[in-house]
Amino acid sequence: MNAHQTRVLVVDDVEQNLTAMEALLARPGLQVLKARSGPDALELLLVHEVAVALVDVRMPGMDGFELAELMRGAPRTRHVPLIFLTAAPQDQQRSFRGYEAGAVDFLHKPVDAQVILSKVNVFVELDAQKRQLAKQMEELKQALQINEMFTAVLSHDLRTPLSAVRLGAELLLRLSTDETAKAAAARIKSSGARMSRMIEQLLDVSRLRSGAMRLRCQSASLAEVCSQIAAEFVENPRQARLRVEVIGDMQGSFDIDRMSQVLSNLIGNALEHGDPEGEVVVTLDGREEESLQVRVNNPGAIPAEVLDMVFEPFRGGNEAAAGLGLGLYIVDQFVKAHRGTVRASSSTERGTSVLISIPRDGIAACALENAPPPLPQLNVPPSLFS
């Protein structure tokens, strides 16, 4: 039997009605499930998924309304479309009760065969579309997983030859006396450093999307971490326009490596994309008892339509012009992993600022981020009688 065969449930206590409905609806690719009572219908629903249920209202024991209420109370059958069939005279109060029980339609017998076919076909088609969409989503999920795995493997394997290239450039800078060769080596070193940052960003994104990233929080001074990062940028004469201000106590507990990446990405982004004649100011604010704040400000404004997407991957403002557009996305994700917040603002008068805030005591945040995933649930259908 086709595992993806569409099924329609018919519930009626009269065998002749079940037989007639089966003869009317049955066709290749469509299976008609028959139940002579509410309990029989519930047993079938525990095993099969159905596109629509045609339910007789008047049945001994459990009537159609009671069956509908039980179906609506179970997650497995909560969204099964219900069409009520009744031989009773039209009664507005009974119709209201039917719709309150979750019916999508309420038909009175004798029902025209074409009407039944038309209504059932709508839900059969919707069920087929739902299955197709679920299949496409699963294929897309698998494709994304393969793509992320490929990115991680490729990034990892690129680091070894890239290290050799950077080492060779460094040796040329130190040993060569030819100015042309030294200039070429400097360009190779600079390009290699930029490529190395791209590879690290790709690896970070793979870790983030796969859930493999784990925080390692420890006591440290965010001011000292920032000072070390800033020193690396100031070594380059073109990036000497950097000033760091510290206000209050910046001692806290956080993942030093991740926050180093946050600061490096923020400062590098501000130096690269800000006004080349303006000063980049990093303000570290530890006056709050419960939090540590960092503001990175650079001259120059970002258009409002770009500002709204600066933290999105591969679309981070102008960053894609010189890189992958992942820097601010990684900042956003690392800060959120610390249970912190990050926001950006920009105006022609005040320039562009990115403000991050993290809890001073990040131990609790690290414990939440590093918590093991919940155990998988057994695929056992819930009881429809509870």
Protein backbone atom coordinates (compact mmCIF):
# COMPACT_ATOMS: atom_id res chain seq x y z
CA MET A 1 0.00 0.00 0.00
CA ASN A 2 1.25 3.50 -0.84
CA ALA A 3 2.61 5.10 2.32
CA HIS A 4 1.48 8.50 1.05
CA GLN A 5 -2.03 7.45 0.12
CA THR A 6 -4.66 10.03 0.99
CA ARG A 7 -7.32 8.83 3.43
CA VAL A 8 -10.86 10.00 4.15
CA LEU A 9 -12.71 8.90 7.30
CA VAL A 10 -16.44 8.24 7.19
CA VAL A 11 -18.24 7.71 10.52
CA ASP A 12 -21.84 6.43 10.47
CA ASP A 13 -23.70 3.81 12.48
CA VAL A 14 -25.62 2.61 9.41
CA GLU A 15 -23.68 0.10 7.31
CA GLN A 16 -25.55 0.96 4.11
CA ASN A 17 -24.52 4.60 4.44
CA LEU A 18 -20.87 3.60 4.85
CA THR A 19 -21.04 1.36 1.79
CA ALA A 20 -22.67 4.08 -0.31
CA MET A 21 -20.12 6.69 0.78
CA GLU A 22 -17.23 4.33 0.00
CA ALA A 23 -18.61 3.66 -3.47
CA LEU A 24 -18.99 7.41 -4.07
CA LEU A 25 -15.55 8.49 -2.86
CA ALA A 26 -13.22 5.58 -3.60
CA ARG A 27 -10.74 6.05 -6.43
CA PRO A 28 -7.07 5.30 -7.09
CA GLY A 29 -4.88 7.07 -4.58
CA LEU A 30 -7.73 7.63 -2.13
CA GLN A 31 -8.59 5.21 0.69
CA VAL A 32 -11.92 5.42 2.52
CA LEU A 33 -11.74 4.45 6.20
CA LYS A 34 -15.08 3.37 7.69
CA ALA A 35 -16.14 3.51 11.33
CA ARG A 36 -19.56 2.57 12.76
CA SER A 37 -19.08 4.46 16.05
CA GLY A 38 -17.09 7.20 17.73
CA PRO A 39 -14.73 4.78 19.53
CA ASP A 40 -14.08 2.93 16.25
CA ALA A 41 -13.24 6.26 14.61
CA LEU A 42 -10.82 7.18 17.41
CA GLU A 43 -9.00 3.85 17.04
CA LEU A 44 -8.56 4.50 13.30
CA LEU A 45 -7.31 8.03 13.97
CA LEU A 46 -4.65 6.69 16.31
CA VAL A 47 -3.14 4.80 13.37
CA HIS A 48 -3.97 6.83 10.26
CA GLU A 49 -3.78 10.45 9.18
CA VAL A 50 -6.84 11.62 7.28
CA ALA A 51 -7.49 14.54 4.95
CA VAL A 52 -11.08 15.03 6.11
CA ALA A 53 -13.65 13.26 8.32
CA LEU A 54 -17.33 12.92 7.37
CA VAL A 55 -19.18 12.40 10.65
CA ASP A 56 -22.82 11.48 11.21
CA VAL A 57 -24.27 13.52 14.06
CA ARG A 58 -26.79 11.01 15.42
CA MET A 59 -25.06 7.85 16.59
CA PRO A 60 -25.76 5.66 19.63
CA GLY A 61 -23.37 6.00 22.55
CA MET A 62 -20.99 8.70 21.40
CA ASP A 63 -22.63 11.13 18.99
CA GLY A 64 -20.82 13.18 16.36
CA PHE A 65 -20.45 16.27 18.55
CA GLU A 66 -18.79 14.28 21.36
CA LEU A 67 -16.45 12.67 18.84
CA ALA A 68 -15.52 16.10 17.48
CA GLU A 69 -14.75 17.41 20.98
CA LEU A 70 -12.43 14.46 21.67
CA MET A 71 -10.69 14.97 18.34
CA ARG A 72 -10.17 18.66 19.05
CA GLY A 73 -8.65 17.78 22.42
CA ALA A 74 -5.85 15.65 20.95
CA PRO A 75 -2.83 17.22 19.18
CA ARG A 76 -2.75 14.46 16.56
CA THR A 77 -6.30 15.10 15.35
CA ARG A 78 -6.86 18.70 16.38
CA HIS A 79 -6.61 20.04 12.84
CA VAL A 80 -8.51 17.31 10.95
CA PRO A 81 -11.29 19.05 8.95
CA LEU A 82 -14.77 17.85 10.01
CA ILE A 83 -17.93 17.78 7.89
CA PHE A 84 -21.06 16.89 9.85
CA LEU A 85 -23.86 14.96 8.18
CA THR A 86 -27.32 14.79 9.75
CA ALA A 87 -30.77 13.53 8.79
CA ALA A 88 -32.49 15.74 11.40
CA PRO A 89 -34.50 18.78 10.25
CA GLN A 90 -32.47 21.96 9.91
CA ASP A 91 -31.97 23.45 13.35
CA GLN A 92 -29.93 26.62 13.78
CA GLN A 93 -29.00 25.75 17.36
CA ARG A 94 -27.66 22.33 16.32
CA SER A 95 -25.72 23.94 13.48
CA PHE A 96 -24.14 26.38 15.93
CA ARG A 97 -23.14 23.49 18.18
CA GLY A 98 -21.58 21.73 15.20
CA TYR A 99 -19.46 24.72 14.24
CA GLU A 100 -18.47 25.26 17.87
CA ALA A 101 -17.26 21.64 17.93
CA GLY A 102 -14.90 22.45 15.07
CA ALA A 103 -16.87 21.63 11.92
CA VAL A 104 -15.90 23.22 8.63
CA ASP A 105 -19.31 22.39 7.16
CA PHE A 106 -22.73 21.09 8.24
CA LEU A 107 -24.76 19.18 5.61
CA HIS A 108 -28.28 17.79 5.82
CA LYS A 109 -29.25 14.42 4.40
CA PRO A 110 -29.99 13.49 1.75
CA VAL A 111 -26.87 15.20 0.48
CA ASP A 112 -26.23 15.66 -3.23
CA ALA A 113 -23.39 13.37 -4.38
CA GLN A 114 -21.70 16.16 -6.35
CA VAL A 115 -21.72 18.42 -3.30
CA ILE A 116 -19.97 15.75 -1.21
CA LEU A 117 -17.45 15.03 -3.95
CA SER A 118 -16.69 18.71 -4.45
CA LYS A 119 -16.12 19.37 -0.74
CA VAL A 120 -14.04 16.25 -0.18
CA ASN A 121 -11.90 16.98 -3.24
CA VAL A 122 -10.97 20.37 -1.78
CA PHE A 123 -9.56 18.78 1.37
CA VAL A 124 -7.90 15.95 -0.55
CA GLU A 125 -6.11 18.54 -2.68
CA LEU A 126 -5.10 20.51 0.41
CA ASP A 127 -3.73 17.34 1.98
CA ALA A 128 -1.69 16.61 -1.14
CA GLN A 129 -0.29 20.14 -1.10
CA LYS A 130 0.57 19.80 2.59
CA ARG A 131 2.46 16.57 1.94
CA GLN A 132 4.32 18.12 -0.98
CA LEU A 133 5.27 21.14 1.11
CA ALA A 134 6.51 18.90 3.94
CA LYS A 135 8.60 16.94 1.44
CA GLN A 136 10.10 20.12 0.01
CA MET A 137 10.87 21.41 3.50
CA GLU A 138 12.64 18.17 4.39
CA GLU A 139 14.66 18.29 1.18
CA LEU A 140 15.58 21.93 1.88
CA LYS A 141 16.60 21.05 5.43
CA GLN A 142 18.85 18.25 4.18
CA ALA A 143 20.36 20.54 1.54
CA LEU A 144 21.12 23.17 4.18
CA GLN A 145 22.73 20.59 6.45
CA ILE A 146 24.92 19.33 3.60
CA ASN A 147 25.83 22.90 2.67
CA GLU A 148 26.81 23.78 6.24
CA MET A 149 28.83 20.59 6.59
CA PHE A 150 30.59 21.33 3.30
CA THR A 151 31.33 24.90 4.44
CA ALA A 152 32.77 23.70 7.75
CA VAL A 153 34.97 21.05 6.11
CA LEU A 154 36.15 23.42 3.37
CA SER A 155 36.94 26.18 5.87
CA HIS A 156 38.85 23.78 8.10
CA ASP A 157 40.91 22.37 5.22
CA LEU A 158 41.75 25.84 3.87
CA ARG A 159 43.46 26.94 7.05
CA THR A 160 46.58 24.75 6.61
CA PRO A 161 47.66 26.01 3.15
CA LEU A 162 46.67 29.54 4.13
CA SER A 163 48.95 29.39 7.17
CA ALA A 164 51.85 28.44 4.86
CA VAL A 165 51.07 31.40 2.60
CA ARG A 166 50.99 33.83 5.54
CA LEU A 167 54.21 32.43 6.97
CA GLY A 168 55.94 32.79 3.61
CA ALA A 169 54.77 36.41 3.34
CA GLU A 170 56.07 37.13 6.85
CA LEU A 171 59.49 35.65 6.00
CA LEU A 172 59.71 37.74 2.82
CA LEU A 173 58.95 40.88 4.81
CA ARG A 174 61.68 40.12 7.31
CA LEU A 175 64.41 38.76 5.05
CA SER A 176 63.99 40.48 1.70
CA THR A 177 65.84 43.71 0.91
CA ASP A 178 64.01 44.34 -2.33
CA GLU A 179 61.29 46.94 -1.81
CA THR A 180 59.10 45.57 -4.60
CA ALA A 181 59.19 42.09 -3.07
CA LYS A 182 58.46 43.51 0.38
CA ALA A 183 55.47 45.45 -0.96
CA ALA A 184 54.13 42.29 -2.61
CA ALA A 185 54.69 40.33 0.61
CA ALA A 186 52.79 42.98 2.58
CA ARG A 187 49.84 42.67 0.22
CA ILE A 188 49.95 38.87 0.51
CA LYS A 189 50.08 39.13 4.31
CA SER A 190 47.14 41.55 4.39
CA SER A 191 45.06 39.45 1.99
CA GLY A 192 45.92 36.28 3.91
CA ALA A 193 44.79 37.87 7.17
CA ARG A 194 41.50 38.91 5.57
CA MET A 195 40.98 35.44 4.14
CA SER A 196 41.74 33.94 7.55
CA ARG A 197 39.02 36.11 9.10
CA MET A 198 36.55 34.98 6.42
CA ILE A 199 37.34 31.32 7.17
CA GLU A 200 36.88 31.85 10.90
CA GLN A 201 33.56 33.57 10.25
CA LEU A 202 32.37 30.66 8.11
CA LEU A 203 33.35 28.24 10.86
CA ASP A 204 31.56 30.36 13.46
CA VAL A 205 28.39 30.40 11.35
CA SER A 206 28.57 26.61 10.92
CA ARG A 207 28.91 26.20 14.69
CA LEU A 208 26.03 28.58 15.33
CA ARG A 209 23.67 26.92 12.88
CA SER A 210 24.56 23.39 13.97
CA GLY A 211 24.29 24.22 17.68
CA ALA A 212 27.90 23.12 18.25
CA MET A 213 29.00 26.39 19.84
CA ARG A 214 29.49 26.26 23.61
CA LEU A 215 30.35 29.18 25.87
CA ARG A 216 33.24 28.92 28.33
CA CYS A 217 32.66 31.70 30.83
CA GLN A 218 35.37 32.82 33.23
CA SER A 219 36.13 35.86 35.34
CA ALA A 220 37.94 38.61 33.43
CA SER A 221 38.03 42.33 32.72
CA LEU A 222 36.29 43.32 29.51
CA ALA A 223 38.47 46.44 29.50
CA GLU A 224 41.65 44.34 29.35
CA VAL A 225 40.21 42.19 26.57
CA CYS A 226 39.27 45.29 24.59
CA SER A 227 42.72 46.83 25.18
CA GLN A 228 44.40 43.78 23.64
CA ILE A 229 42.09 43.86 20.63
CA ALA A 230 42.57 47.59 20.13
CA ALA A 231 46.36 47.21 20.28
CA GLU A 232 46.24 44.85 17.30
CA PHE A 233 44.45 47.48 15.21
CA VAL A 234 46.60 50.42 16.32
CA GLU A 235 49.71 48.62 15.08
CA ASN A 236 48.50 49.48 11.58
CA PRO A 237 49.22 53.20 10.98
CA ARG A 238 46.11 53.53 8.83
CA GLN A 239 43.96 52.39 11.75
CA ALA A 240 45.60 54.45 14.50
CA ARG A 241 42.49 56.66 14.71
CA LEU A 242 41.05 54.51 17.50
CA ARG A 243 40.29 55.66 21.05
CA VAL A 244 39.11 53.53 23.96
CA GLU A 245 37.34 55.02 26.99
CA VAL A 246 36.60 53.07 30.16
CA ILE A 247 33.96 54.15 32.69
CA GLY A 248 33.39 52.15 35.85
CA ASP A 249 34.26 48.55 36.71
CA MET A 250 34.40 46.23 33.68
CA GLN A 251 35.10 43.06 35.68
CA GLY A 252 32.66 40.23 34.95
CA SER A 253 32.33 36.64 33.80
CA PHE A 254 31.97 35.86 30.09
CA ASP A 255 33.47 33.80 27.28
CA ILE A 256 36.72 35.66 26.60
CA ASP A 257 37.26 34.23 23.10
CA ARG A 258 33.70 35.00 21.94
CA MET A 259 33.72 38.52 23.36
CA SER A 260 37.14 39.09 21.77
CA GLN A 261 35.56 38.21 18.43
CA VAL A 262 32.65 40.54 19.16
CA LEU A 263 34.99 43.47 19.89
CA SER A 264 37.28 42.67 16.97
CA ASN A 265 34.37 42.53 14.52
CA LEU A 266 32.82 45.75 15.84
CA ILE A 267 36.08 47.71 15.82
CA GLY A 268 37.21 46.33 12.47
CA ASN A 269 33.85 47.09 10.91
CA ALA A 270 33.86 50.66 12.28
CA LEU A 271 37.42 51.33 11.05
CA GLU A 272 36.81 49.86 7.62
CA HIS A 273 33.42 51.39 6.83
CA GLY A 274 33.45 54.63 8.80
CA ASP A 275 34.74 58.01 7.70
CA PRO A 276 38.47 57.41 7.01
CA GLU A 277 39.25 60.86 8.45
CA GLY A 278 37.16 60.43 11.60
CA GLU A 279 37.93 58.84 14.95
CA VAL A 280 36.45 55.55 16.11
CA VAL A 281 35.54 55.67 19.80
CA VAL A 282 35.00 52.55 21.91
CA THR A 283 33.25 53.33 25.21
CA LEU A 284 33.25 50.65 27.91
CA ASP A 285 30.65 51.36 30.59
CA GLY A 286 30.69 49.35 33.82
CA ARG A 287 28.60 51.64 35.99
CA GLU A 288 25.60 49.31 36.02
CA GLU A 289 25.64 46.71 38.76
CA GLU A 290 24.10 43.92 36.68
CA SER A 291 25.51 44.54 33.21
CA LEU A 292 28.51 45.52 31.11
CA GLN A 293 28.03 47.78 28.10
CA VAL A 294 30.17 48.52 25.06
CA ARG A 295 29.46 51.24 22.52
CA VAL A 296 31.44 51.51 19.28
CA ASN A 297 30.91 54.80 17.44
CA ASN A 298 32.32 55.94 14.11
CA PRO A 299 31.62 59.00 11.95
CA GLY A 300 29.38 58.50 8.97
CA ALA A 301 25.76 57.49 8.60
CA ILE A 302 24.06 54.32 7.36
CA PRO A 303 20.82 54.59 5.34
CA ALA A 304 17.74 53.53 7.31
CA GLU A 305 16.91 50.70 4.89
CA VAL A 306 20.42 49.26 5.36
CA LEU A 307 20.43 49.77 9.14
CA ASP A 308 17.46 47.41 9.49
CA MET A 309 19.48 44.50 8.10
CA VAL A 310 23.01 45.06 9.42
CA PHE A 311 22.78 42.01 11.70
CA GLU A 312 21.52 39.67 8.98
CA PRO A 313 24.00 37.12 7.54
CA PHE A 314 25.57 38.03 4.18
CA ARG A 315 23.67 41.35 4.18
CA GLY A 316 25.46 43.33 6.87
CA GLY A 317 25.41 46.81 5.37
CA ASN A 318 28.47 47.47 3.23
CA GLU A 319 30.51 44.70 4.82
CA ALA A 320 29.96 42.37 1.90
CA ALA A 321 32.03 44.71 -0.24
CA ALA A 322 35.21 43.60 1.56
CA GLY A 323 34.16 40.34 3.14
CA LEU A 324 31.30 37.93 3.59
CA GLY A 325 28.92 40.21 5.48
CA LEU A 326 29.03 37.92 8.52
CA GLY A 327 30.82 40.09 11.09
CA LEU A 328 27.80 41.84 12.61
CA TYR A 329 25.70 38.69 12.34
CA ILE A 330 28.27 36.86 14.47
CA VAL A 331 28.33 39.80 16.91
CA ASP A 332 24.56 39.56 17.25
CA GLN A 333 24.60 35.80 17.80
CA PHE A 334 27.48 35.79 20.30
CA VAL A 335 25.91 38.59 22.35
CA LYS A 336 22.57 36.80 22.38
CA ALA A 337 24.35 33.60 23.47
CA HIS A 338 25.48 35.57 26.53
CA ARG A 339 21.81 36.52 27.08
CA GLY A 340 22.67 40.08 26.10
CA THR A 341 21.29 42.63 23.66
CA VAL A 342 22.72 44.46 20.67
CA ARG A 343 21.32 47.38 18.69
CA ALA A 344 22.53 49.83 16.09
CA SER A 345 21.70 53.48 15.49
CA SER A 346 22.85 55.98 12.90
CA SER A 347 22.43 59.66 12.10
CA THR A 348 24.35 62.27 10.16
CA GLU A 349 24.92 64.29 13.35
CA ARG A 350 26.11 61.53 15.72
CA GLY A 351 27.49 58.98 13.28
CA THR A 352 26.89 55.24 13.57
CA SER A 353 26.90 53.40 16.89
CA VAL A 354 26.53 49.78 17.91
CA LEU A 355 25.66 49.23 21.57
CA ILE A 356 25.95 45.83 23.22
CA SER A 357 24.99 44.90 26.75
CA ILE A 358 25.72 41.59 28.49
CA PRO A 359 25.07 40.39 32.05
CA ARG A 360 28.00 41.11 34.35
CA ASP A 361 27.67 37.61 35.81
CA GLY A 362 27.55 35.44 32.69
CA ILE A 363 27.83 32.10 34.51
CA ALA A 364 24.06 31.60 34.44
CA ALA A 365 23.92 32.54 30.74
CA CYS A 366 26.69 30.07 29.94
CA ALA A 367 24.91 27.33 31.86
CA LEU A 368 21.74 27.91 29.82
CA GLU A 369 23.62 28.06 26.51
CA ASN A 370 25.58 24.91 27.29
CA ALA A 371 22.62 22.93 28.57
CA PRO A 372 22.26 19.56 26.79
CA PRO A 373 19.41 19.33 24.30
CA PRO A 374 16.21 17.70 25.56
CA LEU A 375 15.83 13.97 25.05
CA PRO A 376 13.93 13.08 21.87
CA GLN A 377 10.27 12.26 22.36
CA LEU A 378 9.09 8.77 21.54
CA ASN A 379 6.84 8.74 18.52
CA VAL A 380 3.85 7.33 20.37
CA PRO A 381 0.46 8.83 19.46
CA PRO A 382 -1.24 10.50 22.45
CA SER A 383 -4.35 8.85 23.82
CA LEU A 384 -7.48 10.38 22.41
CA PHE A 385 -9.49 9.28 25.44
CA SER A 386 -7.50 11.25 28.04
